[in-house]
Every structure is written in C-alpha cells, then in structure tokens.
Amino acid sequence: MRTFGLIGFPLSASFSKQFFADKFKTEGIKDCKYELHPVPQAKDMLDLIEADPLLCGLNVTIPHKVSVMPFMTELDDAAEKIGAVNCISIDQSGDKPRLKGYNTDVYGFEESLKPLLKAHHKKALIFGDGGAAMAVKYVFNKLQIPFISVVRNAHPNAVLYSSVTKDVLEEYTILVNTTPLGMFPNIDSFPPIPYQHLSEQHLAYDLVYNPEETQFLAKAKAQGAAIKNGLEMLHLQAERSWDIWNAEI
C-alpha cells in the first residue's frame, strides 16, 4: 500500500487528512493511505522515510516549510525562489531516497485567481509580507502584475497601512490578504484600510478560509467588490500534490 502524509508540529484537525480520505473513498482508491505525522523537527522526516519504504509523498506545514529544505535532493523553481516547501515527492527506488521539494501554494493561488481577473485588474496590494505573501508575489511576478506589500511595521520594499489612500485604491484594484487577520477565532479583525473607497472595480482575495467570509471580504463585498476566500486554493494545492506524487507512476 502506497503511503502519504503530512508533517508539522503540532498537528490538530487536518484539512489534508480529511481531503485525501474523501478522495480515496470517492474515487475508489484502495491501495493508498494518508497519515498525520506530528514531528517536532524537520529531520525527523528522515526516520519516517526509513521506517516506511512505501512512503511516496509528504505535505509540509508549519513550522517545517523552510527547515525541510536542506534535506531536499532537488527543488522546483517556485520552492527555490520562495524559500519554502509544502509538498515533497519521495523516490525510494535507489540506494538512497531522492526527495524533491515543491511549493504548491503558487499553483493553488494562481489557478483560483486567474478566472476572476478582469481587464481593469492591473495592480495589486498584498496585505502582509510573511511566507504566504511570497507565493502571492511569485504569482504576480509570473502574471506581470505590479504589486505593493502593505505591512504594520515599516521595512524596506513595503508600505504601511496608513499609506493606503483613496488614490492608491483607485490604482490598485486587486487586494490580497495573506495575514491571519479575520481567521477563526479572531473573526472581528481585518486589514485596516479605508474600505469606503472600494468599488465594483475591486477584487478582494483572502487566503483565510475559516470563516468562509472574513470581515475583510464582507467589508469589500459591501462596497460592490468581487470576493474570494482561500478554500479553493487549498483544494487545488491538495490536488496538485496528488498529481506530483503520481506523475511518474
């Protein structure tokens, strides 16, 4: 039986485990299983691989997305440029396992965003500048959409929330929240921008998916903006992992 799993620490209720359990059941896949591995350190992954010669792939969540990178035999372009891995393919056919690291955040975000883009969506504001923002930047660079990072604390290559004015919002009509603002249980928080200046010209995308409609999205929708949460992105990431793991079978 081919095995797959998720590493991170700690691990609580996992989207990935339920997603693959449902997928295996719906598609009648009987020779695969997906397990959770709450490993405190990234190097513990090597023990998992050694213990299970049928382990073919792993998803990676916090805090190991960066710390697994030194153990990779190879990286895809997105993982290398973003500096984070959230999917690993494992080839145990040789004398030593070969691990290739991927970043599927890019695929999930790009494929869920592209159908929403209109001709007037020419520039973007990215709220937050952490790991999730790196994948969003990668996609905007690929799509040749100029962007500005917006942050709470000043640092180079970013502006403060106080800089987001009416004039800025008239020019930058794609808004992406990569912060945990609005995520359950802190559902009353949101990026501090002047929402009254949004309109039907805007697209608001929130990587948060719980709750389904964050305050950020609700405030944007009230002004006529198109909105999208991060749930489809999550599903697309999982499907991309499955495609990666089965690419050479």
Protein backbone atom coordinates (compact mmCIF):
# COMPACT_ATOMS: atom_id res chain seq x y z
CA MET A 1 0.00 0.00 0.00
CA ARG A 2 1.42 3.38 -1.05
CA THR A 3 1.52 5.83 1.83
CA PHE A 4 1.42 9.61 2.03
CA GLY A 5 1.19 12.05 4.89
CA LEU A 6 1.54 15.46 6.48
CA ILE A 7 4.38 16.61 8.72
CA GLY A 8 4.21 19.59 11.05
CA PHE A 9 4.12 20.37 14.77
CA PRO A 10 1.78 20.46 16.42
CA LEU A 11 -0.92 18.93 14.20
CA SER A 12 -4.58 19.22 15.16
CA ALA A 13 -7.55 18.75 12.87
CA SER A 14 -6.11 18.48 9.37
CA PHE A 15 -7.72 19.55 6.12
CA SER A 16 -5.28 17.32 4.24
CA LYS A 17 -6.16 14.07 6.01
CA GLN A 18 -9.90 14.54 5.51
CA PHE A 19 -9.40 15.68 1.90
CA PHE A 20 -7.46 12.57 0.96
CA ALA A 21 -9.73 10.24 2.94
CA ASP A 22 -12.68 11.63 0.97
CA LYS A 23 -10.75 11.47 -2.30
CA PHE A 24 -9.72 7.85 -1.81
CA LYS A 25 -13.30 6.88 -0.94
CA THR A 26 -14.95 8.81 -3.77
CA GLU A 27 -12.52 7.64 -6.43
CA GLY A 28 -12.32 4.06 -5.16
CA ILE A 29 -8.59 4.25 -4.44
CA LYS A 30 -7.93 1.27 -2.16
CA ASP A 31 -4.14 0.94 -2.29
CA CYS A 32 -3.27 4.28 -0.66
CA LYS A 33 -3.40 5.78 2.82
CA TYR A 34 -2.68 9.24 4.23
CA GLU A 35 -1.42 9.76 7.78
CA LEU A 36 -0.56 12.65 10.09
CA HIS A 37 2.98 12.86 11.48
CA PRO A 38 3.41 15.44 14.27
CA VAL A 39 7.21 15.60 14.21
CA PRO A 40 8.95 18.25 16.35
CA GLN A 41 11.91 18.68 13.99
CA ALA A 42 12.21 18.59 10.20
CA LYS A 43 15.00 16.00 10.34
CA ASP A 44 12.56 13.55 11.97
CA MET A 45 11.10 13.19 8.46
CA LEU A 46 14.11 11.05 7.54
CA ASP A 47 13.15 8.50 10.21
CA LEU A 48 9.64 8.30 8.76
CA ILE A 49 11.03 7.60 5.30
CA GLU A 50 13.45 4.98 6.59
CA ALA A 51 10.68 3.25 8.52
CA ASP A 52 8.29 3.08 5.56
CA PRO A 53 9.73 2.08 2.15
CA LEU A 54 6.28 2.68 0.62
CA LEU A 55 6.13 6.35 1.72
CA CYS A 56 5.83 8.20 -1.59
CA GLY A 57 4.95 11.75 -0.64
CA LEU A 58 4.56 14.26 2.17
CA ASN A 59 2.79 17.56 2.62
CA VAL A 60 4.59 20.02 4.90
CA THR A 61 3.03 22.58 7.21
CA ILE A 62 4.30 24.92 9.93
CA PRO A 63 6.91 25.08 11.32
CA HIS A 64 8.81 22.91 8.81
CA LYS A 65 8.24 24.55 5.42
CA VAL A 66 11.68 26.18 5.49
CA SER A 67 13.59 23.76 7.70
CA VAL A 68 12.95 20.75 5.41
CA MET A 69 14.75 22.45 2.51
CA PRO A 70 18.31 21.31 3.37
CA PHE A 71 17.12 17.70 3.16
CA MET A 72 15.85 18.04 -0.41
CA THR A 73 17.73 16.44 -3.29
CA GLU A 74 16.05 18.87 -5.69
CA LEU A 75 13.68 21.85 -5.60
CA ASP A 76 11.17 23.10 -8.13
CA ASP A 77 11.51 26.72 -9.27
CA ALA A 78 8.73 28.03 -7.01
CA ALA A 79 10.10 26.38 -3.86
CA GLU A 80 13.61 27.62 -4.61
CA LYS A 81 12.57 31.23 -5.23
CA ILE A 82 10.01 31.41 -2.43
CA GLY A 83 12.25 29.64 0.06
CA ALA A 84 9.60 27.24 1.34
CA VAL A 85 8.45 23.69 0.61
CA ASN A 86 4.97 22.35 1.29
CA CYS A 87 5.00 19.20 -0.85
CA ILE A 88 7.67 16.51 -1.16
CA SER A 89 7.86 13.65 -3.63
CA ILE A 90 9.87 10.68 -2.38
CA ASP A 91 11.61 8.22 -4.68
CA GLN A 92 12.86 5.22 -2.71
CA SER A 93 13.77 3.08 -5.73
CA GLY A 94 17.53 3.69 -5.44
CA ASP A 95 20.16 3.13 -2.78
CA LYS A 96 19.26 6.44 -1.15
CA PRO A 97 15.86 8.19 -1.14
CA ARG A 98 15.57 11.15 -3.51
CA LEU A 99 13.41 14.00 -2.20
CA LYS A 100 12.08 16.75 -4.43
CA GLY A 101 10.50 19.77 -2.79
CA TYR A 102 7.67 21.77 -4.33
CA ASN A 103 5.66 24.83 -3.39
CA THR A 104 2.04 24.22 -4.39
CA ASP A 105 0.80 27.49 -2.84
CA VAL A 106 1.74 29.05 -6.17
CA TYR A 107 -0.41 26.69 -8.22
CA GLY A 108 -3.37 26.95 -5.85
CA PHE A 109 -3.34 30.74 -5.74
CA GLU A 110 -2.74 31.27 -9.45
CA GLU A 111 -5.39 28.84 -10.65
CA SER A 112 -8.04 30.19 -8.27
CA LEU A 113 -7.18 33.83 -9.06
CA LYS A 114 -6.96 33.80 -12.86
CA PRO A 115 -10.69 33.25 -13.58
CA LEU A 116 -11.50 36.36 -11.52
CA LEU A 117 -9.13 38.78 -13.24
CA LYS A 118 -10.67 41.47 -15.45
CA ALA A 119 -9.04 43.93 -17.83
CA HIS A 120 -9.03 46.68 -15.17
CA HIS A 121 -7.22 44.49 -12.62
CA LYS A 122 -3.73 45.79 -13.41
CA LYS A 123 -2.07 46.32 -10.00
CA ALA A 124 -2.25 44.62 -6.59
CA LEU A 125 -1.88 45.35 -2.90
CA ILE A 126 -0.64 42.44 -0.77
CA PHE A 127 -1.50 42.72 2.92
CA GLY A 128 1.25 41.07 4.97
CA ASP A 129 4.76 40.05 3.99
CA GLY A 130 5.28 36.62 5.51
CA GLY A 131 5.68 33.20 3.94
CA ALA A 132 2.22 33.13 2.33
CA ALA A 133 2.89 36.51 0.73
CA MET A 134 5.97 35.11 -1.00
CA ALA A 135 3.84 32.72 -3.04
CA VAL A 136 1.43 35.52 -3.94
CA LYS A 137 4.34 37.71 -5.08
CA TYR A 138 5.70 34.84 -7.19
CA VAL A 139 2.35 34.55 -8.98
CA PHE A 140 2.02 38.29 -9.58
CA ASN A 141 5.55 38.40 -10.97
CA LYS A 142 4.67 35.50 -13.28
CA LEU A 143 1.47 37.25 -14.42
CA GLN A 144 3.36 40.57 -14.77
CA ILE A 145 1.05 42.32 -12.31
CA PRO A 146 2.85 45.06 -10.33
CA PHE A 147 2.24 44.93 -6.57
CA ILE A 148 2.95 46.70 -3.30
CA SER A 149 3.33 44.93 0.05
CA VAL A 150 1.42 46.57 2.92
CA VAL A 151 2.57 45.95 6.50
CA ARG A 152 2.07 47.12 10.09
CA ASN A 153 5.74 47.74 10.84
CA ALA A 154 7.92 49.64 8.38
CA HIS A 155 10.60 47.77 6.47
CA PRO A 156 12.20 48.07 3.02
CA ASN A 157 10.10 47.19 -0.03
CA ALA A 158 6.81 47.64 1.83
CA VAL A 159 4.49 50.48 2.86
CA LEU A 160 2.40 51.00 5.98
CA TYR A 161 -1.37 50.54 6.08
CA SER A 162 -1.66 54.28 6.65
CA SER A 163 -0.30 54.77 3.12
CA VAL A 164 -3.33 53.06 1.56
CA THR A 165 -5.35 56.09 0.50
CA LYS A 166 -8.27 56.64 -1.85
CA ASP A 167 -5.85 57.45 -4.67
CA VAL A 168 -3.90 54.25 -4.06
CA LEU A 169 -7.07 52.16 -4.08
CA GLU A 170 -8.19 53.72 -7.35
CA GLU A 171 -4.95 52.49 -8.94
CA TYR A 172 -4.51 49.16 -7.15
CA THR A 173 -7.71 47.18 -7.68
CA ILE A 174 -6.56 43.70 -6.59
CA LEU A 175 -6.39 43.29 -2.81
CA VAL A 176 -4.94 40.11 -1.28
CA ASN A 177 -4.91 39.37 2.45
CA THR A 178 -2.08 36.98 3.36
CA THR A 179 -2.25 37.74 7.10
CA PRO A 180 -4.20 35.76 9.75
CA LEU A 181 -6.41 38.82 10.37
CA GLY A 182 -10.01 37.63 10.48
CA MET A 183 -9.14 33.96 10.91
CA PHE A 184 -11.15 31.95 13.44
CA PRO A 185 -11.32 32.52 16.38
CA ASN A 186 -10.29 36.19 15.89
CA ILE A 187 -13.04 36.79 13.37
CA ASP A 188 -13.52 40.50 14.16
CA SER A 189 -10.08 41.59 12.92
CA PHE A 190 -9.31 42.81 9.40
CA PRO A 191 -6.65 44.74 7.46
CA PRO A 192 -7.02 48.42 8.42
CA ILE A 193 -7.72 50.12 5.09
CA PRO A 194 -10.37 52.71 4.07
CA TYR A 195 -12.98 50.26 2.73
CA GLN A 196 -15.34 53.13 1.83
CA HIS A 197 -13.15 53.78 -1.22
CA LEU A 198 -13.61 50.29 -2.67
CA SER A 199 -15.99 49.71 -5.56
CA GLU A 200 -17.15 47.12 -8.09
CA GLN A 201 -13.78 47.66 -9.79
CA HIS A 202 -12.02 45.84 -6.96
CA LEU A 203 -11.24 42.19 -6.36
CA ALA A 204 -10.64 41.16 -2.74
CA TYR A 205 -8.97 37.78 -2.18
CA ASP A 206 -8.43 36.37 1.32
CA LEU A 207 -6.14 33.38 1.86
CA VAL A 208 -8.13 32.74 5.05
CA TYR A 209 -10.99 30.25 4.57
CA ASN A 210 -12.32 29.92 8.12
CA PRO A 211 -14.68 31.72 8.44
CA GLU A 212 -15.93 31.45 4.87
CA GLU A 213 -16.47 35.21 4.75
CA THR A 214 -14.00 37.23 6.79
CA GLN A 215 -14.55 40.82 7.83
CA PHE A 216 -12.12 41.81 5.06
CA LEU A 217 -14.29 40.10 2.46
CA ALA A 218 -17.57 41.28 3.97
CA LYS A 219 -16.43 44.92 4.00
CA ALA A 220 -15.19 44.67 0.41
CA LYS A 221 -18.39 42.99 -0.76
CA ALA A 222 -20.49 45.71 0.86
CA GLN A 223 -18.78 48.18 -1.49
CA GLY A 224 -19.53 46.06 -4.55
CA ALA A 225 -16.15 44.33 -4.87
CA ALA A 226 -15.78 40.77 -6.13
CA ILE A 227 -14.54 38.48 -3.34
CA LYS A 228 -12.84 35.10 -2.96
CA ASN A 229 -11.68 33.11 0.05
CA GLY A 230 -8.81 30.62 0.25
CA LEU A 231 -10.76 27.35 0.26
CA GLU A 232 -10.48 26.61 -3.46
CA MET A 233 -6.77 27.42 -3.26
CA LEU A 234 -6.43 24.78 -0.55
CA HIS A 235 -8.26 22.18 -2.64
CA LEU A 236 -6.15 22.98 -5.70
CA GLN A 237 -2.96 22.65 -3.64
CA ALA A 238 -4.02 19.21 -2.46
CA GLU A 239 -4.89 18.08 -5.99
CA ARG A 240 -1.55 19.39 -7.21
CA SER A 241 0.21 17.32 -4.55
CA TRP A 242 -1.61 14.22 -5.77
CA ASP A 243 -0.58 14.96 -9.38
CA ILE A 244 3.04 15.43 -8.31
CA TRP A 245 3.10 12.15 -6.38
CA ASN A 246 1.61 10.23 -9.29
CA ALA A 247 3.49 11.92 -12.14
CA GLU A 248 6.00 9.11 -12.70
CA ILE A 249 3.87 6.06 -11.99
